[in-house]
Amino acid sequence: ARGPPILPTLDEARAAILAAGYRELEYLELRGETDLQSLASLDRPARLLAAAWLGDTRLIDNVAISPIGSWSGGRSSLQSEAAQQLR
């Protein structure tokens, strides 16, 4: 697979979500947009899927992630997107 590896970035995002006050993170996964296969690198259009608990509320969301320009500024688009979602 070509493209930036995503496992270190997902680990960082998991830590950031928990540090932001979420009680529990059920899942944070990057999956292929068309087949929902688990991805080891950002080499095609994908969806970032997440479920987390904030207090007594379970939040579920997903966001489109594009591999285009994924190394701009030394940060992957996944890192940038995760940072935007946490703001």
PDB file of N, CA and C in Angstrom:
ATOM      1  N   ALA A   1       0.833  -1.185   0.000  1.00  0.00           N
ATOM      2  CA  ALA A   1       0.000   0.000   0.000  1.00  0.00           C
ATOM      3  C   ALA A   1       0.874   1.243   0.000  1.00  0.00           C
ATOM      4  N   ARG A   2       0.496   2.202  -0.807  1.00  0.00           N
ATOM      5  CA  ARG A   2       1.214   3.474  -0.839  1.00  0.00           C
ATOM      6  C   ARG A   2       0.459   4.468   0.015  1.00  0.00           C
ATOM      7  N   GLY A   3       1.143   5.560   0.317  1.00  0.00           N
ATOM      8  CA  GLY A   3       0.516   6.586   1.140  1.00  0.00           C
ATOM      9  C   GLY A   3       1.081   6.555   2.539  1.00  0.00           C
ATOM     10  N   PRO A   4       0.807   7.586   3.301  1.00  0.00           N
ATOM     11  CA  PRO A   4       1.358   7.671   4.654  1.00  0.00           C
ATOM     12  C   PRO A   4       0.751   6.610   5.569  1.00  0.00           C
ATOM     13  N   PRO A   5       1.570   6.027   6.454  1.00  0.00           N
ATOM     14  CA  PRO A   5       1.020   5.072   7.424  1.00  0.00           C
ATOM     15  C   PRO A   5       0.100   5.800   8.402  1.00  0.00           C
ATOM     16  N   ILE A   6      -0.954   5.130   8.820  1.00  0.00           N
ATOM     17  CA  ILE A   6      -1.934   5.817   9.661  1.00  0.00           C
ATOM     18  C   ILE A   6      -1.964   5.341  11.110  1.00  0.00           C
ATOM     19  N   LEU A   7      -1.352   4.214  11.414  1.00  0.00           N
ATOM     20  CA  LEU A   7      -1.433   3.704  12.784  1.00  0.00           C
ATOM     21  C   LEU A   7      -0.857   4.665  13.819  1.00  0.00           C
ATOM     22  N   PRO A   8       0.330   5.264  13.608  1.00  0.00           N
ATOM     23  CA  PRO A   8       0.821   6.234  14.600  1.00  0.00           C
ATOM     24  C   PRO A   8      -0.117   7.436  14.755  1.00  0.00           C
ATOM     25  N   THR A   9      -0.691   7.884  13.657  1.00  0.00           N
ATOM     26  CA  THR A   9      -1.604   9.020  13.701  1.00  0.00           C
ATOM     27  C   THR A   9      -2.882   8.668  14.461  1.00  0.00           C
ATOM     28  N   LEU A  10      -3.407   7.474  14.233  1.00  0.00           N
ATOM     29  CA  LEU A  10      -4.606   7.056  14.968  1.00  0.00           C
ATOM     30  C   LEU A  10      -4.314   6.940  16.461  1.00  0.00           C
ATOM     31  N   ASP A  11      -3.133   6.445  16.813  1.00  0.00           N
ATOM     32  CA  ASP A  11      -2.758   6.365  18.232  1.00  0.00           C
ATOM     33  C   ASP A  11      -2.714   7.755  18.858  1.00  0.00           C
ATOM     34  N   GLU A  12      -2.141   8.725  18.139  1.00  0.00           N
ATOM     35  CA  GLU A  12      -2.096  10.110  18.633  1.00  0.00           C
ATOM     36  C   GLU A  12      -3.504  10.678  18.781  1.00  0.00           C
ATOM     37  N   ALA A  13      -4.358  10.407  17.804  1.00  0.00           N
ATOM     38  CA  ALA A  13      -5.729  10.916  17.851  1.00  0.00           C
ATOM     39  C   ALA A  13      -6.498  10.295  19.016  1.00  0.00           C
ATOM     40  N   ARG A  14      -6.301   9.000  19.258  1.00  0.00           N
ATOM     41  CA  ARG A  14      -6.964   8.345  20.396  1.00  0.00           C
ATOM     42  C   ARG A  14      -6.562   9.022  21.705  1.00  0.00           C
ATOM     43  N   ALA A  15      -5.264   9.262  21.863  1.00  0.00           N
ATOM     44  CA  ALA A  15      -4.770   9.919  23.081  1.00  0.00           C
ATOM     45  C   ALA A  15      -5.346  11.327  23.215  1.00  0.00           C
ATOM     46  N   ALA A  16      -5.429  12.065  22.107  1.00  0.00           N
ATOM     47  CA  ALA A  16      -5.961  13.434  22.137  1.00  0.00           C
ATOM     48  C   ALA A  16      -7.444  13.444  22.503  1.00  0.00           C
ATOM     49  N   ILE A  17      -8.197  12.487  22.005  1.00  0.00           N
ATOM     50  CA  ILE A  17      -9.626  12.412  22.318  1.00  0.00           C
ATOM     51  C   ILE A  17      -9.828  12.159  23.810  1.00  0.00           C
ATOM     52  N   LEU A  18      -9.083  11.222  24.357  1.00  0.00           N
ATOM     53  CA  LEU A  18      -9.203  10.934  25.790  1.00  0.00           C
ATOM     54  C   LEU A  18      -8.720  12.109  26.631  1.00  0.00           C
ATOM     55  N   ALA A  19      -7.660  12.781  26.198  1.00  0.00           N
ATOM     56  CA  ALA A  19      -7.144  13.949  26.925  1.00  0.00           C
ATOM     57  C   ALA A  19      -8.126  15.115  26.878  1.00  0.00           C
ATOM     58  N   ALA A  20      -8.995  15.146  25.854  1.00  0.00           N
ATOM     59  CA  ALA A  20      -9.968  16.227  25.716  1.00  0.00           C
ATOM     60  C   ALA A  20     -11.167  16.046  26.645  1.00  0.00           C
ATOM     61  N   GLY A  21     -11.188  14.966  27.414  1.00  0.00           N
ATOM     62  CA  GLY A  21     -12.250  14.790  28.387  1.00  0.00           C
ATOM     63  C   GLY A  21     -13.266  13.715  28.064  1.00  0.00           C
ATOM     64  N   TYR A  22     -13.073  13.005  26.971  1.00  0.00           N
ATOM     65  CA  TYR A  22     -13.983  11.907  26.660  1.00  0.00           C
ATOM     66  C   TYR A  22     -13.736  10.778  27.651  1.00  0.00           C
ATOM     67  N   ARG A  23     -14.799  10.191  28.139  1.00  0.00           N
ATOM     68  CA  ARG A  23     -14.713   9.151  29.167  1.00  0.00           C
ATOM     69  C   ARG A  23     -14.173   7.847  28.598  1.00  0.00           C
ATOM     70  N   GLU A  24     -14.610   7.510  27.390  1.00  0.00           N
ATOM     71  CA  GLU A  24     -14.215   6.241  26.766  1.00  0.00           C
ATOM     72  C   GLU A  24     -14.248   6.403  25.256  1.00  0.00           C
ATOM     73  N   LEU A  25     -13.298   5.804  24.592  1.00  0.00           N
ATOM     74  CA  LEU A  25     -13.276   5.768  23.131  1.00  0.00           C
ATOM     75  C   LEU A  25     -13.544   4.328  22.718  1.00  0.00           C
ATOM     76  N   GLU A  26     -14.705   4.091  22.117  1.00  0.00           N
ATOM     77  CA  GLU A  26     -15.041   2.732  21.691  1.00  0.00           C
ATOM     78  C   GLU A  26     -14.246   2.331  20.462  1.00  0.00           C
ATOM     79  N   TYR A  27     -14.198   3.225  19.470  1.00  0.00           N
ATOM     80  CA  TYR A  27     -13.384   2.941  18.292  1.00  0.00           C
ATOM     81  C   TYR A  27     -13.037   4.223  17.566  1.00  0.00           C
ATOM     82  N   LEU A  28     -11.909   4.194  16.900  1.00  0.00           N
ATOM     83  CA  LEU A  28     -11.461   5.238  15.979  1.00  0.00           C
ATOM     84  C   LEU A  28     -10.709   4.495  14.894  1.00  0.00           C
ATOM     85  N   GLU A  29     -11.317   4.393  13.717  1.00  0.00           N
ATOM     86  CA  GLU A  29     -10.769   3.562  12.654  1.00  0.00           C
ATOM     87  C   GLU A  29     -10.819   4.283  11.324  1.00  0.00           C
ATOM     88  N   LEU A  30      -9.845   3.980  10.481  1.00  0.00           N
ATOM     89  CA  LEU A  30      -9.842   4.477   9.114  1.00  0.00           C
ATOM     90  C   LEU A  30     -10.202   3.314   8.206  1.00  0.00           C
ATOM     91  N   ARG A  31     -11.241   3.506   7.407  1.00  0.00           N
ATOM     92  CA  ARG A  31     -11.743   2.453   6.521  1.00  0.00           C
ATOM     93  C   ARG A  31     -11.857   2.983   5.101  1.00  0.00           C
ATOM     94  N   GLY A  32     -11.711   2.094   4.129  1.00  0.00           N
ATOM     95  CA  GLY A  32     -11.894   2.463   2.733  1.00  0.00           C
ATOM     96  C   GLY A  32     -13.296   3.002   2.513  1.00  0.00           C
ATOM     97  N   GLU A  33     -13.397   4.073   1.738  1.00  0.00           N
ATOM     98  CA  GLU A  33     -14.691   4.734   1.565  1.00  0.00           C
ATOM     99  C   GLU A  33     -15.729   3.851   0.879  1.00  0.00           C
ATOM    100  N   THR A  34     -15.318   3.048  -0.087  1.00  0.00           N
ATOM    101  CA  THR A  34     -16.297   2.271  -0.844  1.00  0.00           C
ATOM    102  C   THR A  34     -16.540   0.875  -0.292  1.00  0.00           C
ATOM    103  N   ASP A  35     -15.530   0.277   0.373  1.00  0.00           N
ATOM    104  CA  ASP A  35     -15.685  -1.099   0.841  1.00  0.00           C
ATOM    105  C   ASP A  35     -15.580  -1.257   2.360  1.00  0.00           C
ATOM    106  N   LEU A  36     -15.255  -0.179   3.063  1.00  0.00           N
ATOM    107  CA  LEU A  36     -15.098  -0.166   4.515  1.00  0.00           C
ATOM    108  C   LEU A  36     -14.052  -1.161   5.024  1.00  0.00           C
ATOM    109  N   GLN A  37     -13.108  -1.531   4.154  1.00  0.00           N
ATOM    110  CA  GLN A  37     -11.980  -2.364   4.577  1.00  0.00           C
ATOM    111  C   GLN A  37     -11.044  -1.538   5.444  1.00  0.00           C
ATOM    112  N   SER A  38     -10.461  -2.159   6.463  1.00  0.00           N
ATOM    113  CA  SER A  38      -9.498  -1.484   7.325  1.00  0.00           C
ATOM    114  C   SER A  38      -8.272  -1.088   6.502  1.00  0.00           C
ATOM    115  N   LEU A  39      -7.753   0.125   6.724  1.00  0.00           N
ATOM    116  CA  LEU A  39      -6.602   0.621   5.970  1.00  0.00           C
ATOM    117  C   LEU A  39      -5.384   0.755   6.879  1.00  0.00           C
ATOM    118  N   ALA A  40      -4.213   0.380   6.346  1.00  0.00           N
ATOM    119  CA  ALA A  40      -2.944   0.563   7.059  1.00  0.00           C
ATOM    120  C   ALA A  40      -2.244   1.831   6.595  1.00  0.00           C
ATOM    121  N   SER A  41      -2.650   2.342   5.436  1.00  0.00           N
ATOM    122  CA  SER A  41      -2.086   3.594   4.932  1.00  0.00           C
ATOM    123  C   SER A  41      -3.184   4.356   4.206  1.00  0.00           C
ATOM    124  N   LEU A  42      -2.966   5.642   4.074  1.00  0.00           N
ATOM    125  CA  LEU A  42      -3.953   6.503   3.424  1.00  0.00           C
ATOM    126  C   LEU A  42      -3.620   6.572   1.941  1.00  0.00           C
ATOM    127  N   ASP A  43      -4.039   5.525   1.200  1.00  0.00           N
ATOM    128  CA  ASP A  43      -3.701   5.426  -0.211  1.00  0.00           C
ATOM    129  C   ASP A  43      -4.911   5.540  -1.131  1.00  0.00           C
ATOM    130  N   ARG A  44      -6.073   5.807  -0.550  1.00  0.00           N
ATOM    131  CA  ARG A  44      -7.307   5.977  -1.331  1.00  0.00           C
ATOM    132  C   ARG A  44      -8.317   6.718  -0.464  1.00  0.00           C
ATOM    133  N   PRO A  45      -9.397   7.196  -1.066  1.00  0.00           N
ATOM    134  CA  PRO A  45     -10.413   7.878  -0.262  1.00  0.00           C
ATOM    135  C   PRO A  45     -10.886   6.979   0.883  1.00  0.00           C
ATOM    136  N   ALA A  46     -11.098   7.588   2.033  1.00  0.00           N
ATOM    137  CA  ALA A  46     -11.410   6.813   3.229  1.00  0.00           C
ATOM    138  C   ALA A  46     -12.432   7.540   4.091  1.00  0.00           C
ATOM    139  N   ARG A  47     -12.911   6.834   5.103  1.00  0.00           N
ATOM    140  CA  ARG A  47     -13.790   7.401   6.124  1.00  0.00           C
ATOM    141  C   ARG A  47     -13.135   7.156   7.469  1.00  0.00           C
ATOM    142  N   LEU A  48     -13.095   8.189   8.292  1.00  0.00           N
ATOM    143  CA  LEU A  48     -12.640   8.073   9.669  1.00  0.00           C
ATOM    144  C   LEU A  48     -13.893   7.861  10.512  1.00  0.00           C
ATOM    145  N   LEU A  49     -13.985   6.723  11.172  1.00  0.00           N
ATOM    146  CA  LEU A  49     -15.160   6.345  11.951  1.00  0.00           C
ATOM    147  C   LEU A  49     -14.822   6.409  13.432  1.00  0.00           C
ATOM    148  N   ALA A  50     -15.708   6.972  14.234  1.00  0.00           N
ATOM    149  CA  ALA A  50     -15.435   7.105  15.665  1.00  0.00           C
ATOM    150  C   ALA A  50     -16.706   6.955  16.484  1.00  0.00           C
ATOM    151  N   ALA A  51     -16.529   6.380  17.668  1.00  0.00           N
ATOM    152  CA  ALA A  51     -17.582   6.344  18.684  1.00  0.00           C
ATOM    153  C   ALA A  51     -16.898   6.575  20.021  1.00  0.00           C
ATOM    154  N   ALA A  52     -17.408   7.534  20.780  1.00  0.00           N
ATOM    155  CA  ALA A  52     -16.805   7.877  22.069  1.00  0.00           C
ATOM    156  C   ALA A  52     -17.890   8.346  23.030  1.00  0.00           C
ATOM    157  N   TRP A  53     -17.599   8.219  24.314  1.00  0.00           N
ATOM    158  CA  TRP A  53     -18.507   8.660  25.364  1.00  0.00           C
ATOM    159  C   TRP A  53     -18.014   9.965  25.948  1.00  0.00           C
ATOM    160  N   LEU A  54     -18.885  10.950  25.984  1.00  0.00           N
ATOM    161  CA  LEU A  54     -18.624  12.224  26.646  1.00  0.00           C
ATOM    162  C   LEU A  54     -19.653  12.326  27.764  1.00  0.00           C
ATOM    163  N   GLY A  55     -19.215  12.074  28.980  1.00  0.00           N
ATOM    164  CA  GLY A  55     -20.166  11.966  30.081  1.00  0.00           C
ATOM    165  C   GLY A  55     -21.053  10.761  29.853  1.00  0.00           C
ATOM    166  N   ASP A  56     -22.369  10.963  29.896  1.00  0.00           N
ATOM    167  CA  ASP A  56     -23.319   9.873  29.678  1.00  0.00           C
ATOM    168  C   ASP A  56     -23.816   9.801  28.240  1.00  0.00           C
ATOM    169  N   THR A  57     -23.219  10.597  27.363  1.00  0.00           N
ATOM    170  CA  THR A  57     -23.663  10.660  25.971  1.00  0.00           C
ATOM    171  C   THR A  57     -22.686   9.928  25.063  1.00  0.00           C
ATOM    172  N   ARG A  58     -23.219   9.012  24.253  1.00  0.00           N
ATOM    173  CA  ARG A  58     -22.403   8.301  23.271  1.00  0.00           C
ATOM    174  C   ARG A  58     -22.478   9.067  21.957  1.00  0.00           C
ATOM    175  N   LEU A  59     -21.320   9.487  21.461  1.00  0.00           N
ATOM    176  CA  LEU A  59     -21.229  10.225  20.208  1.00  0.00           C
ATOM    177  C   LEU A  59     -20.665   9.314  19.130  1.00  0.00           C
ATOM    178  N   ILE A  60     -21.302   9.324  17.966  1.00  0.00           N
ATOM    179  CA  ILE A  60     -20.862   8.522  16.829  1.00  0.00           C
ATOM    180  C   ILE A  60     -20.756   9.456  15.638  1.00  0.00           C
ATOM    181  N   ASP A  61     -19.647   9.361  14.900  1.00  0.00           N
ATOM    182  CA  ASP A  61     -19.481  10.234  13.737  1.00  0.00           C
ATOM    183  C   ASP A  61     -18.550   9.580  12.730  1.00  0.00           C
ATOM    184  N   ASN A  62     -18.557  10.138  11.529  1.00  0.00           N
ATOM    185  CA  ASN A  62     -17.615   9.729  10.492  1.00  0.00           C
ATOM    186  C   ASN A  62     -17.333  10.938   9.623  1.00  0.00           C
ATOM    187  N   VAL A  63     -16.152  10.930   9.015  1.00  0.00           N
ATOM    188  CA  VAL A  63     -15.756  12.051   8.171  1.00  0.00           C
ATOM    189  C   VAL A  63     -14.950  11.507   6.995  1.00  0.00           C
ATOM    190  N   ALA A  64     -15.128  12.124   5.831  1.00  0.00           N
ATOM    191  CA  ALA A  64     -14.360  11.732   4.649  1.00  0.00           C
ATOM    192  C   ALA A  64     -12.921  12.212   4.792  1.00  0.00           C
ATOM    193  N   ILE A  65     -11.979  11.356   4.405  1.00  0.00           N
ATOM    194  CA  ILE A  65     -10.555  11.679   4.435  1.00  0.00           C
ATOM    195  C   ILE A  65      -9.993  11.424   3.046  1.00  0.00           C
ATOM    196  N   SER A  66      -9.266  12.397   2.518  1.00  0.00           N
ATOM    197  CA  SER A  66      -8.698  12.289   1.180  1.00  0.00           C
ATOM    198  C   SER A  66      -7.189  12.091   1.245  1.00  0.00           C
ATOM    199  N   PRO A  67      -6.639  11.210   0.402  1.00  0.00           N
ATOM    200  CA  PRO A  67      -5.187  11.034   0.373  1.00  0.00           C
ATOM    201  C   PRO A  67      -4.468  12.148  -0.371  1.00  0.00           C
ATOM    202  N   ILE A  68      -5.183  12.992  -1.099  1.00  0.00           N
ATOM    203  CA  ILE A  68      -4.559  14.049  -1.896  1.00  0.00           C
ATOM    204  C   ILE A  68      -3.899  15.062  -0.981  1.00  0.00           C
ATOM    205  N   GLY A  69      -2.614  15.334  -1.234  1.00  0.00           N
ATOM    206  CA  GLY A  69      -1.874  16.305  -0.434  1.00  0.00           C
ATOM    207  C   GLY A  69      -1.642  15.838   0.984  1.00  0.00           C
ATOM    208  N   SER A  70      -1.556  14.527   1.177  1.00  0.00           N
ATOM    209  CA  SER A  70      -1.522  13.991   2.528  1.00  0.00           C
ATOM    210  C   SER A  70      -0.259  14.301   3.310  1.00  0.00           C
ATOM    211  N   TRP A  71       0.798  14.736   2.653  1.00  0.00           N
ATOM    212  CA  TRP A  71       2.018  15.053   3.400  1.00  0.00           C
ATOM    213  C   TRP A  71       2.286  16.543   3.454  1.00  0.00           C
ATOM    214  N   SER A  72       1.334  17.377   3.115  1.00  0.00           N
ATOM    215  CA  SER A  72       1.578  18.817   3.123  1.00  0.00           C
ATOM    216  C   SER A  72       1.885  19.301   4.526  1.00  0.00           C
ATOM    217  N   GLY A  73       2.935  20.054   4.647  1.00  0.00           N
ATOM    218  CA  GLY A  73       3.310  20.614   5.938  1.00  0.00           C
ATOM    219  C   GLY A  73       3.780  19.593   6.943  1.00  0.00           C
ATOM    220  N   GLY A  74       4.113  18.393   6.487  1.00  0.00           N
ATOM    221  CA  GLY A  74       4.593  17.369   7.397  1.00  0.00           C
ATOM    222  C   GLY A  74       3.494  16.687   8.192  1.00  0.00           C
ATOM    223  N   ARG A  75       2.243  17.026   7.942  1.00  0.00           N
ATOM    224  CA  ARG A  75       1.121  16.391   8.639  1.00  0.00           C
ATOM    225  C   ARG A  75       0.215  15.738   7.613  1.00  0.00           C
ATOM    226  N   SER A  76      -0.265  14.575   7.919  1.00  0.00           N
ATOM    227  CA  SER A  76      -1.186  13.910   7.009  1.00  0.00           C
ATOM    228  C   SER A  76      -2.541  14.598   7.062  1.00  0.00           C
ATOM    229  N   SER A  77      -3.345  14.375   6.039  1.00  0.00           N
ATOM    230  CA  SER A  77      -4.690  14.944   6.059  1.00  0.00           C
ATOM    231  C   SER A  77      -5.500  14.328   7.191  1.00  0.00           C
ATOM    232  N   LEU A  78      -5.179  13.101   7.574  1.00  0.00           N
ATOM    233  CA  LEU A  78      -5.855  12.471   8.700  1.00  0.00           C
ATOM    234  C   LEU A  78      -5.559  13.225   9.987  1.00  0.00           C
ATOM    235  N   GLN A  79      -4.291  13.601  10.202  1.00  0.00           N
ATOM    236  CA  GLN A  79      -3.940  14.376  11.388  1.00  0.00           C
ATOM    237  C   GLN A  79      -4.658  15.713  11.381  1.00  0.00           C
ATOM    238  N   SER A  80      -4.639  16.381  10.243  1.00  0.00           N
ATOM    239  CA  SER A  80      -5.285  17.690  10.140  1.00  0.00           C
ATOM    240  C   SER A  80      -6.784  17.580  10.385  1.00  0.00           C
ATOM    241  N   GLU A  81      -7.404  16.570   9.803  1.00  0.00           N
ATOM    242  CA  GLU A  81      -8.851  16.388   9.964  1.00  0.00           C
ATOM    243  C   GLU A  81      -9.195  16.055  11.412  1.00  0.00           C
ATOM    244  N   ALA A  82      -8.404  15.196  12.032  1.00  0.00           N
ATOM    245  CA  ALA A  82      -8.656  14.850  13.434  1.00  0.00           C
ATOM    246  C   ALA A  82      -8.516  16.083  14.319  1.00  0.00           C
ATOM    247  N   ALA A  83      -7.515  16.907  14.047  1.00  0.00           N
ATOM    248  CA  ALA A  83      -7.323  18.132  14.827  1.00  0.00           C
ATOM    249  C   ALA A  83      -8.509  19.071  14.654  1.00  0.00           C
ATOM    250  N   GLN A  84      -9.023  19.190  13.431  1.00  0.00           N
ATOM    251  CA  GLN A  84     -10.182  20.051  13.172  1.00  0.00           C
ATOM    252  C   GLN A  84     -11.411  19.545  13.925  1.00  0.00           C
ATOM    253  N   GLN A  85     -11.611  18.232  13.936  1.00  0.00           N
ATOM    254  CA  GLN A  85     -12.785  17.664  14.594  1.00  0.00           C
ATOM    255  C   GLN A  85     -12.733  17.848  16.103  1.00  0.00           C
ATOM    256  N   LEU A  86     -11.522  17.920  16.668  1.00  0.00           N
ATOM    257  CA  LEU A  86     -11.382  18.073  18.116  1.00  0.00           C
ATOM    258  C   LEU A  86     -11.545  19.510  18.575  1.00  0.00           C
ATOM    259  N   ARG A  87     -11.548  20.466  17.666  1.00  0.00           N
ATOM    260  CA  ARG A  87     -11.681  21.884  18.047  1.00  0.00           C
ATOM    261  C   ARG A  87     -13.103  22.235  18.373  1.00  0.00           C
TER     262      ARG A  87
END
